[in-house]
Amino acid sequence: MSEDPDFQTEHAQKSAHLKSTFDAAVKGIFADYDVDLTPPEESTGGGVRARQHMRLLAKDGQSLVVGAANAAEGTAELRTLGCMLEISKERFGKELPIPAPEYMKFLDRATDVLRTFGMKVSVVSTVKTK
């Protein structure tokens, strides 16, 4: 992704700003994990490719998607801790040791940032399967 706003579409610029703000806001919440928002494409195709994933990254390289945001649509979805523990058990054969107080702080902070960007935020307890 180009960091030069002159080469980004309007949606990509908004998504890039969301990423930098989100990443800064959630930095340091977890002792043993990092959280980030994936970068947007240079061109989102009029918002079609504007979805960005929120990732929980363990020090050992394991990662889980804890939510997603779409600046073009103005929507975001976050997953509950119970949902994340279920996903980690399915994916890794065990529940990752995600501290509940840290995860709740993450959900609160992420919700605040996303709403500041005018997004409608939903919190889901199950993952939709195809």
Protein backbone atom coordinates (compact mmCIF):
# COMPACT_ATOMS: atom_id res chain seq x y z
CA MET A 1 0.00 0.00 0.00
CA SER A 2 1.31 3.40 -0.89
CA GLU A 3 1.58 5.80 2.03
CA ASP A 4 1.18 8.73 -0.36
CA PRO A 5 -2.46 9.93 -0.17
CA ASP A 6 -2.20 11.18 -3.77
CA PHE A 7 -2.14 7.56 -4.93
CA GLN A 8 -5.01 6.36 -2.74
CA THR A 9 -8.72 6.50 -3.38
CA GLU A 10 -11.02 8.31 -0.95
CA HIS A 11 -12.04 5.06 0.74
CA ALA A 12 -8.42 3.90 0.95
CA GLN A 13 -7.39 7.19 2.57
CA LYS A 14 -10.16 6.89 5.15
CA SER A 15 -9.20 3.25 5.78
CA ALA A 16 -5.52 4.17 6.17
CA HIS A 17 -6.43 6.84 8.72
CA LEU A 18 -8.62 4.30 10.54
CA LYS A 19 -5.71 1.83 10.64
CA SER A 20 -3.22 4.29 12.11
CA THR A 21 -5.72 5.55 14.70
CA PHE A 22 -6.92 2.04 15.62
CA ASP A 23 -3.41 0.58 15.91
CA ALA A 24 -2.29 3.43 18.17
CA ALA A 25 -5.40 3.17 20.35
CA VAL A 26 -5.10 -0.57 21.04
CA LYS A 27 -1.31 -0.74 21.32
CA GLY A 28 -0.16 -2.19 24.63
CA ILE A 29 -3.56 -3.44 25.83
CA PHE A 30 -2.37 -7.06 25.82
CA ALA A 31 0.74 -8.20 27.66
CA ASP A 32 1.33 -11.24 25.43
CA TYR A 33 -0.37 -10.23 22.19
CA ASP A 34 -0.38 -7.45 19.65
CA VAL A 35 -3.48 -6.25 17.84
CA ASP A 36 -3.60 -4.55 14.48
CA LEU A 37 -5.91 -3.61 11.66
CA THR A 38 -4.84 -4.83 8.24
CA PRO A 39 -3.92 -2.09 5.77
CA PRO A 40 -6.34 -1.14 3.01
CA GLU A 41 -5.72 -1.62 -0.68
CA GLU A 42 -4.47 1.44 -2.61
CA SER A 43 -7.74 1.32 -4.47
CA THR A 44 -10.76 -0.22 -2.83
CA GLY A 45 -12.73 -0.45 -6.07
CA GLY A 46 -15.22 2.16 -4.93
CA GLY A 47 -15.34 0.58 -1.48
CA VAL A 48 -15.79 -3.02 -2.66
CA ARG A 49 -12.39 -4.04 -1.18
CA ALA A 50 -12.53 -1.75 1.87
CA ARG A 51 -12.91 -4.51 4.50
CA GLN A 52 -10.04 -4.57 6.98
CA HIS A 53 -9.48 -7.35 9.51
CA MET A 54 -8.50 -6.89 13.16
CA ARG A 55 -5.91 -9.45 14.15
CA LEU A 56 -4.79 -10.72 17.53
CA LEU A 57 -1.15 -11.73 17.07
CA ALA A 58 0.59 -14.00 19.58
CA LYS A 59 4.34 -13.80 20.15
CA ASP A 60 4.69 -17.34 18.74
CA GLY A 61 3.16 -16.29 15.42
CA GLN A 62 -0.36 -17.60 15.96
CA SER A 63 -3.04 -15.14 14.90
CA LEU A 64 -6.79 -14.87 15.09
CA VAL A 65 -9.19 -12.47 13.42
CA VAL A 66 -11.03 -10.69 16.24
CA GLY A 67 -13.13 -8.46 14.03
CA ALA A 68 -13.41 -6.44 10.85
CA ALA A 69 -14.15 -2.90 9.80
CA ASN A 70 -15.38 -1.43 6.55
CA ALA A 71 -14.87 2.33 6.38
CA ALA A 72 -16.73 2.55 3.06
CA GLU A 73 -19.89 0.96 4.50
CA GLY A 74 -19.46 2.47 7.96
CA THR A 75 -19.76 -0.89 9.70
CA ALA A 76 -17.59 -2.92 12.04
CA GLU A 77 -17.88 -6.25 13.78
CA LEU A 78 -16.04 -7.40 16.89
CA ARG A 79 -16.02 -10.91 18.35
CA THR A 80 -16.60 -11.73 22.01
CA LEU A 81 -13.94 -13.46 24.09
CA GLY A 82 -16.07 -16.62 24.16
CA CYS A 83 -16.18 -16.61 20.38
CA MET A 84 -12.40 -16.16 20.19
CA LEU A 85 -11.75 -19.00 22.63
CA GLU A 86 -14.02 -21.27 20.58
CA ILE A 87 -12.22 -20.32 17.36
CA SER A 88 -8.77 -20.86 18.89
CA LYS A 89 -9.84 -24.28 20.17
CA GLU A 90 -11.08 -25.28 16.69
CA ARG A 91 -8.03 -23.85 14.93
CA PHE A 92 -5.20 -24.74 17.32
CA GLY A 93 -6.71 -27.60 19.32
CA LYS A 94 -6.66 -25.52 22.50
CA GLU A 95 -7.95 -22.25 23.84
CA LEU A 96 -5.37 -19.48 23.66
CA PRO A 97 -4.70 -17.93 27.07
CA ILE A 98 -6.38 -14.60 26.34
CA PRO A 99 -6.82 -12.66 29.60
CA ALA A 100 -10.46 -11.62 30.02
CA PRO A 101 -9.73 -8.16 31.52
CA GLU A 102 -7.38 -7.31 28.64
CA TYR A 103 -9.86 -8.54 26.04
CA MET A 104 -12.70 -6.52 27.59
CA LYS A 105 -10.48 -3.42 27.58
CA PHE A 106 -9.70 -4.12 23.90
CA LEU A 107 -13.41 -4.42 23.04
CA ASP A 108 -14.18 -1.13 24.81
CA ARG A 109 -11.30 0.76 23.20
CA ALA A 110 -11.92 -0.69 19.73
CA THR A 111 -15.62 0.16 19.96
CA ASP A 112 -14.78 3.74 20.96
CA VAL A 113 -12.37 4.21 18.04
CA LEU A 114 -14.73 2.69 15.49
CA ARG A 115 -17.66 4.79 16.69
CA THR A 116 -15.45 7.90 16.53
CA PHE A 117 -15.14 7.11 12.83
CA GLY A 118 -18.94 7.05 12.60
CA MET A 119 -19.19 3.29 12.30
CA LYS A 120 -22.05 1.12 13.43
CA VAL A 121 -20.38 -1.50 15.66
CA SER A 122 -21.80 -4.93 16.39
CA VAL A 123 -20.37 -7.51 18.77
CA VAL A 124 -20.96 -11.13 17.79
CA SER A 125 -20.67 -14.26 19.88
CA THR A 126 -20.61 -16.77 17.02
CA VAL A 127 -18.89 -16.96 13.67
CA LYS A 128 -21.04 -17.38 10.59
CA THR A 129 -20.04 -20.41 8.54
CA LYS A 130 -20.86 -20.98 4.91
